[in-house]
């Protein structure tokens, strides 16, 4: 994961029970939350804490939320329910027995919160944190965090929404390639096989184009 500037550090611990009450947690979510010993708002990333001039109203703040766990199993139900009820962008850090796992989903925030992707995750590891590059936009920080979880290269001109849409397209094309290759394997008619191969070449071309990165 990334290490963040000490200026962003808050390390504010909250009572788990307060969050469960706030999100009107179901019985299943409350049971899932028993995996958590502590919930800490570790960092707040915004224009002030990064000392930048960024007036983007869509990407104002990113909260780094650290969960200290008593088991290696991630409290996914709790994370997803909490995330839906928080009107700012989030990045979750789970800690168990000294190892760290991270995850996030793409969020669109207006009058309501919309989780617009699956949760992208980094498995437990003991890697040394990497320094976050100097960036002049909160949206670029958000893209870097997404990039760490998805491993899909960045393009400077892309907004976070455009970036996540490209990630979804890559997944869709990979699925179509696998499906078409399987169809070719079992197709006996030459004409149909030729059509599948043409389709496969087009999918692979699109995939290659989608994966081209232009780093920030």
Protein backbone atom coordinates (compact mmCIF):
# COMPACT_ATOMS: atom_id res chain seq x y z
CA UNK A 1 0.00 0.00 0.00
CA UNK A 2 0.97 3.66 -0.06
CA UNK A 3 2.31 5.65 2.84
CA UNK A 4 0.68 9.05 3.23
CA UNK A 5 2.01 12.40 4.34
CA UNK A 6 2.07 12.90 8.10
CA UNK A 7 0.00 16.04 7.48
CA UNK A 8 -2.91 13.79 6.54
CA UNK A 9 -2.66 11.72 9.74
CA UNK A 10 -5.56 11.90 12.22
CA UNK A 11 -5.64 8.41 13.84
CA UNK A 12 -9.08 8.97 15.32
CA UNK A 13 -10.60 5.85 16.83
CA UNK A 14 -14.38 5.43 16.92
CA UNK A 15 -16.70 3.08 18.73
CA UNK A 16 -17.82 0.27 16.47
CA UNK A 17 -21.24 0.34 18.12
CA UNK A 18 -21.74 3.94 16.98
CA UNK A 19 -21.25 2.98 13.36
CA UNK A 20 -23.53 -0.05 13.66
CA UNK A 21 -26.25 2.21 15.02
CA UNK A 22 -25.66 4.90 12.38
CA UNK A 23 -25.94 2.49 9.42
CA UNK A 24 -28.91 0.62 10.95
CA UNK A 25 -26.89 -2.58 10.70
CA UNK A 26 -28.74 -5.82 10.10
CA UNK A 27 -28.18 -8.94 12.19
CA UNK A 28 -25.81 -10.30 9.51
CA UNK A 29 -23.76 -7.08 9.39
CA UNK A 30 -23.53 -6.98 13.20
CA UNK A 31 -22.30 -10.56 13.23
CA UNK A 32 -19.74 -9.74 10.54
CA UNK A 33 -18.54 -6.72 12.54
CA UNK A 34 -17.47 -9.02 15.38
CA UNK A 35 -14.29 -9.60 13.35
CA UNK A 36 -13.28 -6.00 14.14
CA UNK A 37 -11.40 -5.00 17.30
CA UNK A 38 -10.85 -1.35 16.37
CA UNK A 39 -12.01 1.08 13.69
CA UNK A 40 -9.71 4.03 13.08
CA UNK A 41 -9.98 6.94 10.68
CA UNK A 42 -6.27 6.97 9.92
CA UNK A 43 -5.84 9.69 7.29
CA UNK A 44 -7.85 12.46 5.69
CA UNK A 45 -6.65 13.42 2.24
CA UNK A 46 -7.90 16.77 1.01
CA UNK A 47 -6.54 19.99 -0.49
CA UNK A 48 -5.64 21.37 2.93
CA UNK A 49 -3.75 18.32 4.22
CA UNK A 50 -1.87 17.97 0.91
CA UNK A 51 -1.23 21.71 0.74
CA UNK A 52 -2.56 22.02 -2.82
CA UNK A 53 -4.98 24.31 -4.61
CA UNK A 54 -7.72 21.98 -5.76
CA UNK A 55 -11.30 23.21 -6.01
CA UNK A 56 -12.75 20.01 -7.47
CA UNK A 57 -16.20 19.65 -5.93
CA UNK A 58 -16.56 16.02 -6.92
CA UNK A 59 -13.38 14.77 -5.22
CA UNK A 60 -13.00 16.72 -2.00
CA UNK A 61 -11.76 14.17 0.52
CA UNK A 62 -10.55 10.61 0.77
CA UNK A 63 -10.73 8.89 4.15
CA UNK A 64 -8.32 6.08 4.88
CA UNK A 65 -10.17 3.78 7.27
CA UNK A 66 -8.13 1.20 9.17
CA UNK A 67 -9.79 -1.88 10.64
CA UNK A 68 -7.86 -3.85 13.25
CA UNK A 69 -9.16 -7.41 12.99
CA UNK A 70 -9.17 -10.46 15.26
CA UNK A 71 -9.32 -12.84 12.28
CA UNK A 72 -7.82 -13.02 8.82
CA UNK A 73 -11.29 -12.93 7.27
CA UNK A 74 -12.33 -9.51 6.01
CA UNK A 75 -15.65 -8.14 7.38
CA UNK A 76 -16.92 -7.55 3.85
CA UNK A 77 -20.58 -7.14 4.72
CA UNK A 78 -19.72 -4.45 7.25
CA UNK A 79 -17.32 -2.64 4.88
CA UNK A 80 -19.86 -2.51 2.07
CA UNK A 81 -22.70 -1.38 4.33
CA UNK A 82 -20.54 1.31 5.94
CA UNK A 83 -19.28 2.48 2.56
CA UNK A 84 -22.81 3.02 1.27
CA UNK A 85 -23.51 5.31 4.21
CA UNK A 86 -20.41 7.51 4.01
CA UNK A 87 -20.64 10.55 1.72
CA UNK A 88 -16.96 10.83 0.93
CA UNK A 89 -14.46 8.68 -0.92
CA UNK A 90 -12.91 5.84 1.04
CA UNK A 91 -10.02 3.41 1.12
CA UNK A 92 -10.06 0.50 3.56
CA UNK A 93 -6.98 -0.93 5.26
CA UNK A 94 -7.45 -4.20 7.16
CA UNK A 95 -4.78 -5.30 9.61
CA UNK A 96 -4.44 -8.74 11.10
CA UNK A 97 -1.42 -10.14 12.95
CA UNK A 98 0.89 -7.52 11.44
CA UNK A 99 -0.19 -8.15 7.84
CA UNK A 100 -2.09 -5.61 5.74
CA UNK A 101 -4.89 -6.05 3.22
CA UNK A 102 -6.42 -3.13 1.31
CA UNK A 103 -9.54 -2.62 -0.76
CA UNK A 104 -11.81 -0.05 -2.34
CA UNK A 105 -14.71 0.34 -4.74
CA UNK A 106 -15.33 3.26 -7.05
CA UNK A 107 -17.85 5.66 -5.52
CA UNK A 108 -19.95 8.36 -7.15
CA UNK A 109 -21.10 10.96 -4.65
CA UNK A 110 -23.84 13.52 -5.18
CA UNK A 111 -26.99 13.75 -3.09
CA UNK A 112 -26.65 9.99 -2.72
CA UNK A 113 -23.77 7.53 -2.64
CA UNK A 114 -23.48 5.09 -5.53
CA UNK A 115 -21.02 2.19 -5.43
CA UNK A 116 -20.23 1.88 -9.14
CA UNK A 117 -17.83 -1.05 -9.22
CA UNK A 118 -16.93 -4.23 -7.44
CA UNK A 119 -14.45 -4.09 -4.56
CA UNK A 120 -10.89 -4.33 -5.80
CA UNK A 121 -8.59 -5.93 -3.24
CA UNK A 122 -4.96 -6.44 -2.39
CA UNK A 123 -4.33 -9.64 -0.38
CA UNK A 124 -2.63 -9.70 3.01
CA UNK A 125 1.06 -8.92 2.80
CA UNK A 126 3.96 -7.52 4.81
CA UNK A 127 5.32 -5.26 2.07
CA UNK A 128 6.94 -1.95 2.93
CA UNK A 129 4.57 0.94 2.08
CA UNK A 130 5.38 2.91 -1.07
CA UNK A 131 5.58 6.70 -1.03
CA UNK A 132 2.61 8.33 -2.72
CA UNK A 133 3.83 10.56 -5.59
CA UNK A 134 3.40 14.32 -5.32
CA UNK A 135 0.04 15.03 -6.95
CA UNK A 136 -1.88 18.27 -7.35
CA UNK A 137 -5.40 16.84 -7.54
CA UNK A 138 -7.42 14.75 -5.11
CA UNK A 139 -8.90 12.93 -8.11
CA UNK A 140 -5.38 11.85 -9.12
CA UNK A 141 -4.76 10.47 -5.63
CA UNK A 142 -8.02 8.52 -5.97
CA UNK A 143 -6.85 7.13 -9.33
CA UNK A 144 -3.51 6.07 -7.83
CA UNK A 145 -5.31 4.15 -5.09
CA UNK A 146 -7.54 2.47 -7.67
CA UNK A 147 -4.45 1.68 -9.74
CA UNK A 148 -2.79 -0.04 -6.78
CA UNK A 149 -5.80 -2.34 -6.41
CA UNK A 150 -6.58 -2.97 -10.09
CA UNK A 151 -3.04 -2.90 -11.62
CA UNK A 152 -4.45 -1.25 -14.75
CA UNK A 153 -2.14 1.49 -16.05
CA UNK A 154 -3.09 5.15 -15.67
CA UNK A 155 -3.78 7.77 -18.32
CA UNK A 156 -3.16 11.39 -17.43
CA UNK A 157 -6.20 12.76 -19.25
CA UNK A 158 -8.67 10.33 -17.67
CA UNK A 159 -11.04 11.21 -14.88
CA UNK A 160 -11.50 8.54 -12.18
CA UNK A 161 -14.88 7.68 -13.74
CA UNK A 162 -13.31 7.21 -17.18
CA UNK A 163 -10.56 5.12 -15.61
CA UNK A 164 -12.99 2.75 -13.89
CA UNK A 165 -15.06 2.45 -17.08
CA UNK A 166 -11.90 1.40 -18.93
CA UNK A 167 -11.19 -1.19 -16.23
CA UNK A 168 -14.71 -2.59 -16.66
CA UNK A 169 -14.24 -2.71 -20.43
CA UNK A 170 -10.98 -4.63 -20.02
CA UNK A 171 -12.76 -7.20 -17.86
CA UNK A 172 -15.57 -7.47 -20.40
CA UNK A 173 -13.15 -7.95 -23.30
CA UNK A 174 -11.16 -10.58 -21.40
CA UNK A 175 -14.39 -12.46 -20.79
CA UNK A 176 -15.39 -12.21 -24.46
CA UNK A 177 -11.94 -13.43 -25.55
CA UNK A 178 -12.15 -16.45 -23.27
CA UNK A 179 -15.70 -17.21 -24.43
CA UNK A 180 -14.76 -16.89 -28.12
CA UNK A 181 -11.63 -19.02 -27.76
CA UNK A 182 -13.76 -21.72 -26.17
CA UNK A 183 -16.28 -21.47 -29.02
CA UNK A 184 -13.49 -21.84 -31.61
CA UNK A 185 -12.19 -24.92 -29.83
CA UNK A 186 -15.50 -26.74 -30.20
CA UNK A 187 -16.69 -25.33 -33.56
CA UNK A 188 -16.53 -27.78 -36.48
CA UNK A 189 -17.96 -25.61 -39.28
CA UNK A 190 -15.15 -23.75 -41.14
CA UNK A 191 -17.28 -20.68 -41.95
CA UNK A 192 -18.40 -20.27 -38.35
CA UNK A 193 -14.88 -20.87 -37.11
CA UNK A 194 -13.61 -18.13 -39.43
CA UNK A 195 -16.20 -15.70 -38.05
CA UNK A 196 -15.16 -16.51 -34.49
CA UNK A 197 -11.49 -15.94 -35.35
CA UNK A 198 -12.30 -12.56 -36.90
CA UNK A 199 -14.24 -11.62 -33.79
CA UNK A 200 -11.39 -12.83 -31.58
CA UNK A 201 -8.84 -10.66 -33.41
CA UNK A 202 -11.06 -7.62 -32.95
CA UNK A 203 -11.50 -8.29 -29.23
CA UNK A 204 -7.74 -8.69 -28.77
CA UNK A 205 -7.07 -5.46 -30.67
CA UNK A 206 -9.54 -3.58 -28.48
CA UNK A 207 -8.03 -5.11 -25.34
CA UNK A 208 -4.53 -4.08 -26.35
CA UNK A 209 -5.71 -0.52 -26.97
CA UNK A 210 -7.53 -0.41 -23.61
CA UNK A 211 -4.43 -1.48 -21.71
CA UNK A 212 -2.20 1.25 -23.14
CA UNK A 213 -1.23 3.56 -20.29
CA UNK A 214 -0.05 7.17 -20.31
CA UNK A 215 1.25 7.66 -16.81
CA UNK A 216 0.68 10.78 -14.78
